[in-house]
Amino acid sequence: YLNVSEVIVGHDMRLSGPAIFDAVTRGI
């Protein structure tokens, strides 16, 4: 959608955070 070459990704403390963080970064 944004047609970008770099994306910053952070996460909060939720127990599902590492799994969701890993999945979204793989997609990016």
PDB file of all heavy atoms in Angstrom:
ATOM      1  N   TYR A   1       0.820  -1.206   0.000  1.00  0.00           N
ATOM      2  CA  TYR A   1       0.000   0.000   0.000  1.00  0.00           C
ATOM      3  C   TYR A   1       0.856   1.259   0.000  1.00  0.00           C
ATOM      4  O   TYR A   1       0.592   2.206  -0.755  1.00  0.00           O
ATOM      5  CB  TYR A   1      -0.932  -0.011   1.207  1.00  0.00           C
ATOM      6  CG  TYR A   1      -1.726   1.257   1.367  1.00  0.00           C
ATOM      7  CD1 TYR A   1      -2.698   1.613   0.434  1.00  0.00           C
ATOM      8  CD2 TYR A   1      -1.498   2.110   2.439  1.00  0.00           C
ATOM      9  CE1 TYR A   1      -3.415   2.794   0.569  1.00  0.00           C
ATOM     10  CE2 TYR A   1      -2.211   3.287   2.584  1.00  0.00           C
ATOM     11  CZ  TYR A   1      -3.170   3.624   1.643  1.00  0.00           C
ATOM     12  OH  TYR A   1      -3.873   4.795   1.773  1.00  0.00           O
ATOM     13  N   LEU A   2       1.901   1.290   0.825  1.00  0.00           N
ATOM     14  CA  LEU A   2       2.726   2.493   0.931  1.00  0.00           C
ATOM     15  C   LEU A   2       3.866   2.527  -0.081  1.00  0.00           C
ATOM     16  O   LEU A   2       4.488   3.576  -0.271  1.00  0.00           O
ATOM     17  CB  LEU A   2       3.294   2.628   2.351  1.00  0.00           C
ATOM     18  CG  LEU A   2       2.278   2.926   3.458  1.00  0.00           C
ATOM     19  CD1 LEU A   2       2.985   3.081   4.803  1.00  0.00           C
ATOM     20  CD2 LEU A   2       1.472   4.182   3.157  1.00  0.00           C
ATOM     21  N   ASN A   3       4.167   1.381  -0.672  1.00  0.00           N
ATOM     22  CA  ASN A   3       5.265   1.284  -1.642  1.00  0.00           C
ATOM     23  C   ASN A   3       6.559   1.834  -1.041  1.00  0.00           C
ATOM     24  O   ASN A   3       7.175   2.775  -1.557  1.00  0.00           O
ATOM     25  CB  ASN A   3       4.911   2.033  -2.928  1.00  0.00           C
ATOM     26  CG  ASN A   3       5.934   1.790  -4.041  1.00  0.00           C
ATOM     27  OD1 ASN A   3       6.608   0.757  -4.065  1.00  0.00           O
ATOM     28  ND2 ASN A   3       6.074   2.751  -4.943  1.00  0.00           N
ATOM     29  N   VAL A   4       6.963   1.241   0.088  1.00  0.00           N
ATOM     30  CA  VAL A   4       8.119   1.722   0.840  1.00  0.00           C
ATOM     31  C   VAL A   4       9.223   0.663   0.855  1.00  0.00           C
ATOM     32  O   VAL A   4       8.979  -0.517   0.620  1.00  0.00           O
ATOM     33  CB  VAL A   4       7.735   2.091   2.284  1.00  0.00           C
ATOM     34  CG1 VAL A   4       6.847   3.318   2.279  1.00  0.00           C
ATOM     35  CG2 VAL A   4       7.049   0.934   2.988  1.00  0.00           C
ATOM     36  N   SER A   5      10.442   1.118   1.150  1.00  0.00           N
ATOM     37  CA  SER A   5      11.581   0.208   1.163  1.00  0.00           C
ATOM     38  C   SER A   5      12.098  -0.084   2.564  1.00  0.00           C
ATOM     39  O   SER A   5      12.922  -0.983   2.741  1.00  0.00           O
ATOM     40  CB  SER A   5      12.728   0.782   0.315  1.00  0.00           C
ATOM     41  OG  SER A   5      13.122   2.052   0.809  1.00  0.00           O
ATOM     42  N   GLU A   6      11.638   0.694   3.579  1.00  0.00           N
ATOM     43  CA  GLU A   6      12.052   0.468   4.962  1.00  0.00           C
ATOM     44  C   GLU A   6      10.858   0.674   5.888  1.00  0.00           C
ATOM     45  O   GLU A   6      10.060   1.585   5.674  1.00  0.00           O
ATOM     46  CB  GLU A   6      13.166   1.437   5.378  1.00  0.00           C
ATOM     47  CG  GLU A   6      14.511   1.184   4.747  1.00  0.00           C
ATOM     48  CD  GLU A   6      15.553   2.170   5.273  1.00  0.00           C
ATOM     49  OE1 GLU A   6      15.410   3.373   4.985  1.00  0.00           O
ATOM     50  OE2 GLU A   6      16.489   1.738   5.975  1.00  0.00           O
ATOM     51  N   VAL A   7      10.770  -0.167   6.917  1.00  0.00           N
ATOM     52  CA  VAL A   7       9.665  -0.079   7.868  1.00  0.00           C
ATOM     53  C   VAL A   7      10.212  -0.292   9.281  1.00  0.00           C
ATOM     54  O   VAL A   7      10.937  -1.254   9.534  1.00  0.00           O
ATOM     55  CB  VAL A   7       8.571  -1.137   7.581  1.00  0.00           C
ATOM     56  CG1 VAL A   7       7.448  -1.027   8.615  1.00  0.00           C
ATOM     57  CG2 VAL A   7       8.026  -0.990   6.169  1.00  0.00           C
ATOM     58  N   ILE A   8       9.869   0.615  10.194  1.00  0.00           N
ATOM     59  CA  ILE A   8      10.206   0.456  11.608  1.00  0.00           C
ATOM     60  C   ILE A   8       9.149  -0.432  12.267  1.00  0.00           C
ATOM     61  O   ILE A   8       7.950  -0.259  12.032  1.00  0.00           O
ATOM     62  CB  ILE A   8      10.242   1.822  12.304  1.00  0.00           C
ATOM     63  CG1 ILE A   8      11.402   2.660  11.762  1.00  0.00           C
ATOM     64  CG2 ILE A   8      10.346   1.683  13.816  1.00  0.00           C
ATOM     65  CD1 ILE A   8      11.360   4.109  12.197  1.00  0.00           C
ATOM     66  N   VAL A   9       9.588  -1.387  13.089  1.00  0.00           N
ATOM     67  CA  VAL A   9       8.647  -2.261  13.780  1.00  0.00           C
ATOM     68  C   VAL A   9       9.032  -2.376  15.260  1.00  0.00           C
ATOM     69  O   VAL A   9      10.188  -2.692  15.575  1.00  0.00           O
ATOM     70  CB  VAL A   9       8.573  -3.667  13.160  1.00  0.00           C
ATOM     71  CG1 VAL A   9       7.434  -4.469  13.808  1.00  0.00           C
ATOM     72  CG2 VAL A   9       8.367  -3.603  11.654  1.00  0.00           C
ATOM     73  N   GLY A  10       8.086  -2.104  16.133  1.00  0.00           N
ATOM     74  CA  GLY A  10       8.258  -2.300  17.572  1.00  0.00           C
ATOM     75  C   GLY A  10       7.095  -3.110  18.108  1.00  0.00           C
ATOM     76  O   GLY A  10       6.125  -3.396  17.399  1.00  0.00           O
ATOM     77  N   HIS A  11       7.163  -3.495  19.380  1.00  0.00           N
ATOM     78  CA  HIS A  11       6.070  -4.281  19.966  1.00  0.00           C
ATOM     79  C   HIS A  11       5.947  -3.989  21.457  1.00  0.00           C
ATOM     80  O   HIS A  11       6.891  -3.517  22.102  1.00  0.00           O
ATOM     81  CB  HIS A  11       6.280  -5.777  19.729  1.00  0.00           C
ATOM     82  CG  HIS A  11       7.502  -6.346  20.403  1.00  0.00           C
ATOM     83  ND1 HIS A  11       7.477  -6.863  21.674  1.00  0.00           N
ATOM     84  CD2 HIS A  11       8.780  -6.480  19.964  1.00  0.00           C
ATOM     85  CE1 HIS A  11       8.694  -7.294  21.996  1.00  0.00           C
ATOM     86  NE2 HIS A  11       9.501  -7.070  20.983  1.00  0.00           N
ATOM     87  N   ASP A  12       4.741  -4.268  21.994  1.00  0.00           N
ATOM     88  CA  ASP A  12       4.538  -4.108  23.434  1.00  0.00           C
ATOM     89  C   ASP A  12       4.792  -5.438  24.145  1.00  0.00           C
ATOM     90  O   ASP A  12       5.440  -6.336  23.581  1.00  0.00           O
ATOM     91  CB  ASP A  12       3.150  -3.518  23.724  1.00  0.00           C
ATOM     92  CG  ASP A  12       1.993  -4.474  23.442  1.00  0.00           C
ATOM     93  OD1 ASP A  12       2.216  -5.680  23.238  1.00  0.00           O
ATOM     94  OD2 ASP A  12       0.831  -3.996  23.437  1.00  0.00           O
ATOM     95  N   MET A  13       4.290  -5.576  25.362  1.00  0.00           N
ATOM     96  CA  MET A  13       4.687  -6.687  26.227  1.00  0.00           C
ATOM     97  C   MET A  13       3.761  -7.897  26.141  1.00  0.00           C
ATOM     98  O   MET A  13       3.943  -8.872  26.893  1.00  0.00           O
ATOM     99  CB  MET A  13       4.752  -6.215  27.672  1.00  0.00           C
ATOM    100  CG  MET A  13       3.405  -6.021  28.353  1.00  0.00           C
ATOM    101  SD  MET A  13       2.347  -4.790  27.551  1.00  0.00           S
ATOM    102  CE  MET A  13       0.738  -5.337  28.074  1.00  0.00           C
ATOM    103  N   ARG A  14       2.788  -7.892  25.246  1.00  0.00           N
ATOM    104  CA  ARG A  14       1.806  -8.971  25.208  1.00  0.00           C
ATOM    105  C   ARG A  14       2.459 -10.322  24.920  1.00  0.00           C
ATOM    106  O   ARG A  14       3.446 -10.405  24.183  1.00  0.00           O
ATOM    107  CB  ARG A  14       0.736  -8.660  24.166  1.00  0.00           C
ATOM    108  CG  ARG A  14      -0.109  -7.482  24.577  1.00  0.00           C
ATOM    109  CD  ARG A  14      -1.057  -7.004  23.503  1.00  0.00           C
ATOM    110  NE  ARG A  14      -1.699  -5.789  23.977  1.00  0.00           N
ATOM    111  CZ  ARG A  14      -2.811  -5.781  24.713  1.00  0.00           C
ATOM    112  NH1 ARG A  14      -3.415  -6.926  24.996  1.00  0.00           N
ATOM    113  NH2 ARG A  14      -3.311  -4.639  25.144  1.00  0.00           N
ATOM    114  N   LEU A  15       1.876 -11.376  25.486  1.00  0.00           N
ATOM    115  CA  LEU A  15       2.468 -12.704  25.332  1.00  0.00           C
ATOM    116  C   LEU A  15       2.486 -13.149  23.873  1.00  0.00           C
ATOM    117  O   LEU A  15       3.361 -13.911  23.466  1.00  0.00           O
ATOM    118  CB  LEU A  15       1.696 -13.717  26.192  1.00  0.00           C
ATOM    119  CG  LEU A  15       1.720 -13.461  27.708  1.00  0.00           C
ATOM    120  CD1 LEU A  15       0.917 -14.529  28.444  1.00  0.00           C
ATOM    121  CD2 LEU A  15       3.150 -13.399  28.233  1.00  0.00           C
ATOM    122  N   SER A  16       1.527 -12.687  23.086  1.00  0.00           N
ATOM    123  CA  SER A  16       1.510 -13.021  21.664  1.00  0.00           C
ATOM    124  C   SER A  16       2.408 -12.111  20.844  1.00  0.00           C
ATOM    125  O   SER A  16       2.571 -12.317  19.628  1.00  0.00           O
ATOM    126  CB  SER A  16       0.081 -12.948  21.113  1.00  0.00           C
ATOM    127  OG  SER A  16      -0.441 -11.630  21.263  1.00  0.00           O
ATOM    128  N   GLY A  17       3.022 -11.114  21.487  1.00  0.00           N
ATOM    129  CA  GLY A  17       3.834 -10.129  20.769  1.00  0.00           C
ATOM    130  C   GLY A  17       4.958 -10.717  19.947  1.00  0.00           C
ATOM    131  O   GLY A  17       5.100 -10.389  18.758  1.00  0.00           O
ATOM    132  N   PRO A  18       5.796 -11.598  20.522  1.00  0.00           N
ATOM    133  CA  PRO A  18       6.907 -12.148  19.720  1.00  0.00           C
ATOM    134  C   PRO A  18       6.438 -12.879  18.465  1.00  0.00           C
ATOM    135  O   PRO A  18       7.050 -12.743  17.396  1.00  0.00           O
ATOM    136  CB  PRO A  18       7.596 -13.094  20.708  1.00  0.00           C
ATOM    137  CG  PRO A  18       7.309 -12.505  22.048  1.00  0.00           C
ATOM    138  CD  PRO A  18       5.909 -11.967  21.943  1.00  0.00           C
ATOM    139  N   ALA A  19       5.350 -13.651  18.568  1.00  0.00           N
ATOM    140  CA  ALA A  19       4.853 -14.391  17.405  1.00  0.00           C
ATOM    141  C   ALA A  19       4.300 -13.455  16.343  1.00  0.00           C
ATOM    142  O   ALA A  19       4.582 -13.614  15.136  1.00  0.00           O
ATOM    143  CB  ALA A  19       3.782 -15.391  17.836  1.00  0.00           C
ATOM    144  N   ILE A  20       3.514 -12.468  16.757  1.00  0.00           N
ATOM    145  CA  ILE A  20       2.949 -11.511  15.805  1.00  0.00           C
ATOM    146  C   ILE A  20       4.055 -10.639  15.211  1.00  0.00           C
ATOM    147  O   ILE A  20       4.070 -10.355  14.000  1.00  0.00           O
ATOM    148  CB  ILE A  20       1.871 -10.648  16.478  1.00  0.00           C
ATOM    149  CG1 ILE A  20       0.676 -11.514  16.912  1.00  0.00           C
ATOM    150  CG2 ILE A  20       1.411  -9.530  15.559  1.00  0.00           C
ATOM    151  CD1 ILE A  20      -0.067 -12.149  15.759  1.00  0.00           C
ATOM    152  N   PHE A  21       5.010 -10.229  16.042  1.00  0.00           N
ATOM    153  CA  PHE A  21       6.149  -9.429  15.575  1.00  0.00           C
ATOM    154  C   PHE A  21       6.940 -10.197  14.523  1.00  0.00           C
ATOM    155  O   PHE A  21       7.281  -9.644  13.462  1.00  0.00           O
ATOM    156  CB  PHE A  21       7.035  -9.079  16.773  1.00  0.00           C
ATOM    157  CG  PHE A  21       8.268  -8.294  16.431  1.00  0.00           C
ATOM    158  CD1 PHE A  21       8.228  -6.916  16.306  1.00  0.00           C
ATOM    159  CD2 PHE A  21       9.486  -8.936  16.229  1.00  0.00           C
ATOM    160  CE1 PHE A  21       9.369  -6.189  15.997  1.00  0.00           C
ATOM    161  CE2 PHE A  21      10.621  -8.224  15.921  1.00  0.00           C
ATOM    162  CZ  PHE A  21      10.568  -6.842  15.801  1.00  0.00           C
ATOM    163  N   ASP A  22       7.235 -11.462  14.800  1.00  0.00           N
ATOM    164  CA  ASP A  22       8.000 -12.269  13.837  1.00  0.00           C
ATOM    165  C   ASP A  22       7.241 -12.423  12.529  1.00  0.00           C
ATOM    166  O   ASP A  22       7.825 -12.311  11.443  1.00  0.00           O
ATOM    167  CB  ASP A  22       8.296 -13.641  14.446  1.00  0.00           C
ATOM    168  CG  ASP A  22       9.061 -14.539  13.480  1.00  0.00           C
ATOM    169  OD1 ASP A  22      10.233 -14.228  13.189  1.00  0.00           O
ATOM    170  OD2 ASP A  22       8.486 -15.541  13.014  1.00  0.00           O
ATOM    171  N   ALA A  23       5.936 -12.652  12.606  1.00  0.00           N
ATOM    172  CA  ALA A  23       5.145 -12.870  11.393  1.00  0.00           C
ATOM    173  C   ALA A  23       5.048 -11.607  10.547  1.00  0.00           C
ATOM    174  O   ALA A  23       5.217 -11.657   9.319  1.00  0.00           O
ATOM    175  CB  ALA A  23       3.748 -13.360  11.768  1.00  0.00           C
ATOM    176  N   VAL A  24       4.787 -10.458  11.185  1.00  0.00           N
ATOM    177  CA  VAL A  24       4.631  -9.237  10.398  1.00  0.00           C
ATOM    178  C   VAL A  24       5.964  -8.813   9.788  1.00  0.00           C
ATOM    179  O   VAL A  24       6.006  -8.323   8.640  1.00  0.00           O
ATOM    180  CB  VAL A  24       4.000  -8.109  11.238  1.00  0.00           C
ATOM    181  CG1 VAL A  24       4.981  -7.487  12.215  1.00  0.00           C
ATOM    182  CG2 VAL A  24       3.416  -7.026  10.337  1.00  0.00           C
ATOM    183  N   THR A  25       7.073  -9.022  10.499  1.00  0.00           N
ATOM    184  CA  THR A  25       8.369  -8.655   9.926  1.00  0.00           C
ATOM    185  C   THR A  25       8.728  -9.566   8.756  1.00  0.00           C
ATOM    186  O   THR A  25       9.327  -9.107   7.775  1.00  0.00           O
ATOM    187  CB  THR A  25       9.478  -8.681  10.994  1.00  0.00           C
ATOM    188  OG1 THR A  25       9.502  -9.955  11.647  1.00  0.00           O
ATOM    189  CG2 THR A  25       9.258  -7.598  12.035  1.00  0.00           C
ATOM    190  N   ARG A  26       8.361 -10.838   8.849  1.00  0.00           N
ATOM    191  CA  ARG A  26       8.589 -11.734   7.695  1.00  0.00           C
ATOM    192  C   ARG A  26       7.796 -11.271   6.488  1.00  0.00           C
ATOM    193  O   ARG A  26       8.286 -11.307   5.343  1.00  0.00           O
ATOM    194  CB  ARG A  26       8.228 -13.171   8.050  1.00  0.00           C
ATOM    195  CG  ARG A  26       9.251 -13.886   8.925  1.00  0.00           C
ATOM    196  CD  ARG A  26       8.978 -15.379   9.043  1.00  0.00           C
ATOM    197  NE  ARG A  26       7.768 -15.672   9.788  1.00  0.00           N
ATOM    198  CZ  ARG A  26       6.632 -16.082   9.258  1.00  0.00           C
ATOM    199  NH1 ARG A  26       6.537 -16.234   7.936  1.00  0.00           N
ATOM    200  NH2 ARG A  26       5.571 -16.337  10.012  1.00  0.00           N
ATOM    201  N   GLY A  27       6.570 -10.821   6.729  1.00  0.00           N
ATOM    202  CA  GLY A  27       5.759 -10.321   5.629  1.00  0.00           C
ATOM    203  C   GLY A  27       6.365  -9.082   4.983  1.00  0.00           C
ATOM    204  O   GLY A  27       6.397  -8.955   3.751  1.00  0.00           O
ATOM    205  N   ILE A  28       6.872  -8.181   5.811  1.00  0.00           N
ATOM    206  CA  ILE A  28       7.508  -6.965   5.292  1.00  0.00           C
ATOM    207  C   ILE A  28       8.743  -7.317   4.467  1.00  0.00           C
ATOM    208  O   ILE A  28       8.946  -6.793   3.356  1.00  0.00           O
ATOM    209  CB  ILE A  28       7.879  -6.032   6.466  1.00  0.00           C
ATOM    210  CG1 ILE A  28       6.608  -5.492   7.141  1.00  0.00           C
ATOM    211  CG2 ILE A  28       8.764  -4.874   5.998  1.00  0.00           C
ATOM    212  CD1 ILE A  28       6.857  -4.831   8.484  1.00  0.00           C
TER     213      ILE A  28
END
